[in-house]
């Protein structure tokens, strides 16, 4: 993919974040590319996790298993003092 130039106005928080990445020895371009890549990876992981949670929540076998484990744990837990 051909590289392209992107311009952005940084607020104070973005300026501080850029400084953190640049203190690690990156120039501005490298720091911005790193930040974008890491942010995209985090979002992809969160989306995958959310999809997995939705899949398990919709799985009747998994739901029954969770309920059975919760019932077992409730049976083992001591009663709270009144």
C-alpha atoms as a PDB file:
ATOM      1  CA  UNK A   1       0.000   0.000   0.000  1.00  0.00           C
ATOM      2  CA  UNK A   2       1.304   3.419  -0.875  1.00  0.00           C
ATOM      3  CA  UNK A   3       2.007   5.689   2.046  1.00  0.00           C
ATOM      4  CA  UNK A   4       0.033   8.865   2.493  1.00  0.00           C
ATOM      5  CA  UNK A   5       0.240  11.950   4.630  1.00  0.00           C
ATOM      6  CA  UNK A   6      -2.380  12.671   7.267  1.00  0.00           C
ATOM      7  CA  UNK A   7      -2.642  15.949   9.176  1.00  0.00           C
ATOM      8  CA  UNK A   8      -4.164  16.219  12.629  1.00  0.00           C
ATOM      9  CA  UNK A   9      -4.565  18.872  15.289  1.00  0.00           C
ATOM     10  CA  UNK A  10      -3.517  17.449  18.639  1.00  0.00           C
ATOM     11  CA  UNK A  11      -5.210  18.367  21.884  1.00  0.00           C
ATOM     12  CA  UNK A  12      -3.270  18.352  25.161  1.00  0.00           C
ATOM     13  CA  UNK A  13      -3.945  14.665  25.877  1.00  0.00           C
ATOM     14  CA  UNK A  14      -2.881  13.641  22.372  1.00  0.00           C
ATOM     15  CA  UNK A  15       0.223  15.796  22.632  1.00  0.00           C
ATOM     16  CA  UNK A  16       1.196  14.075  25.904  1.00  0.00           C
ATOM     17  CA  UNK A  17       0.536  10.629  24.404  1.00  0.00           C
ATOM     18  CA  UNK A  18       2.692  11.472  21.392  1.00  0.00           C
ATOM     19  CA  UNK A  19       5.476  12.625  23.726  1.00  0.00           C
ATOM     20  CA  UNK A  20       5.363   9.288  25.573  1.00  0.00           C
ATOM     21  CA  UNK A  21       5.826   7.360  22.344  1.00  0.00           C
ATOM     22  CA  UNK A  22       8.565   9.683  21.138  1.00  0.00           C
ATOM     23  CA  UNK A  23      10.483   9.270  24.418  1.00  0.00           C
ATOM     24  CA  UNK A  24      10.810   5.621  23.415  1.00  0.00           C
ATOM     25  CA  UNK A  25      12.988   6.776  20.522  1.00  0.00           C
ATOM     26  CA  UNK A  26      10.388   7.105  17.777  1.00  0.00           C
ATOM     27  CA  UNK A  27      10.031  10.126  15.544  1.00  0.00           C
ATOM     28  CA  UNK A  28       6.571  11.697  15.129  1.00  0.00           C
ATOM     29  CA  UNK A  29       5.613   9.599  12.110  1.00  0.00           C
ATOM     30  CA  UNK A  30       6.691   6.340  13.752  1.00  0.00           C
ATOM     31  CA  UNK A  31       4.901   7.262  16.972  1.00  0.00           C
ATOM     32  CA  UNK A  32       1.639   8.017  15.172  1.00  0.00           C
ATOM     33  CA  UNK A  33       1.851   4.818  13.099  1.00  0.00           C
ATOM     34  CA  UNK A  34       2.532   2.807  16.260  1.00  0.00           C
ATOM     35  CA  UNK A  35      -0.391   4.407  18.082  1.00  0.00           C
ATOM     36  CA  UNK A  36      -2.783   3.745  15.193  1.00  0.00           C
ATOM     37  CA  UNK A  37      -1.674   0.127  14.840  1.00  0.00           C
ATOM     38  CA  UNK A  38      -1.914  -0.565  18.569  1.00  0.00           C
ATOM     39  CA  UNK A  39      -5.347   1.091  18.801  1.00  0.00           C
ATOM     40  CA  UNK A  40      -6.644  -0.985  15.875  1.00  0.00           C
ATOM     41  CA  UNK A  41      -5.312  -4.191  17.468  1.00  0.00           C
ATOM     42  CA  UNK A  42      -7.002  -3.367  20.800  1.00  0.00           C
ATOM     43  CA  UNK A  43     -10.307  -2.681  19.064  1.00  0.00           C
ATOM     44  CA  UNK A  44     -10.055  -5.934  17.116  1.00  0.00           C
ATOM     45  CA  UNK A  45      -9.390  -7.882  20.339  1.00  0.00           C
ATOM     46  CA  UNK A  46     -12.330  -6.192  22.099  1.00  0.00           C
ATOM     47  CA  UNK A  47     -14.610  -6.945  19.158  1.00  0.00           C
ATOM     48  CA  UNK A  48     -13.508 -10.574  19.096  1.00  0.00           C
ATOM     49  CA  UNK A  49     -14.079 -10.851  22.843  1.00  0.00           C
ATOM     50  CA  UNK A  50     -17.533  -9.273  22.567  1.00  0.00           C
ATOM     51  CA  UNK A  51     -18.436 -11.697  19.775  1.00  0.00           C
ATOM     52  CA  UNK A  52     -17.252 -14.641  21.894  1.00  0.00           C
ATOM     53  CA  UNK A  53     -19.311 -13.442  24.871  1.00  0.00           C
ATOM     54  CA  UNK A  54     -22.390 -13.064  22.663  1.00  0.00           C
ATOM     55  CA  UNK A  55     -21.856 -16.536  21.209  1.00  0.00           C
ATOM     56  CA  UNK A  56     -21.519 -18.118  24.656  1.00  0.00           C
ATOM     57  CA  UNK A  57     -24.507 -16.188  26.012  1.00  0.00           C
ATOM     58  CA  UNK A  58     -26.619 -17.577  23.159  1.00  0.00           C
ATOM     59  CA  UNK A  59     -25.364 -21.153  23.669  1.00  0.00           C
ATOM     60  CA  UNK A  60     -27.960 -23.106  25.707  1.00  0.00           C
ATOM     61  CA  UNK A  61     -25.416 -25.749  26.726  1.00  0.00           C
ATOM     62  CA  UNK A  62     -22.981 -23.141  28.013  1.00  0.00           C
ATOM     63  CA  UNK A  63     -25.791 -21.307  29.830  1.00  0.00           C
ATOM     64  CA  UNK A  64     -26.877 -24.533  31.531  1.00  0.00           C
ATOM     65  CA  UNK A  65     -23.275 -25.234  32.522  1.00  0.00           C
ATOM     66  CA  UNK A  66     -22.868 -21.725  34.006  1.00  0.00           C
ATOM     67  CA  UNK A  67     -26.072 -22.126  35.980  1.00  0.00           C
ATOM     68  CA  UNK A  68     -24.970 -25.527  37.291  1.00  0.00           C
ATOM     69  CA  UNK A  69     -21.599 -24.124  38.400  1.00  0.00           C
ATOM     70  CA  UNK A  70     -23.313 -21.152  40.070  1.00  0.00           C
ATOM     71  CA  UNK A  71     -25.695 -23.514  41.901  1.00  0.00           C
ATOM     72  CA  UNK A  72     -22.752 -25.631  43.065  1.00  0.00           C
ATOM     73  CA  UNK A  73     -20.934 -22.539  44.322  1.00  0.00           C
ATOM     74  CA  UNK A  74     -24.075 -21.318  46.127  1.00  0.00           C
ATOM     75  CA  UNK A  75     -24.386 -24.698  47.825  1.00  0.00           C
ATOM     76  CA  UNK A  76     -20.787 -24.494  49.051  1.00  0.00           C
ATOM     77  CA  UNK A  77     -20.951 -20.886  50.242  1.00  0.00           C
ATOM     78  CA  UNK A  78     -21.677 -20.367  53.924  1.00  0.00           C
ATOM     79  CA  UNK A  79     -24.789 -18.448  54.884  1.00  0.00           C
ATOM     80  CA  UNK A  80     -24.290 -14.768  55.582  1.00  0.00           C
ATOM     81  CA  UNK A  81     -24.856 -13.760  59.184  1.00  0.00           C
ATOM     82  CA  UNK A  82     -28.239 -12.191  59.737  1.00  0.00           C
END
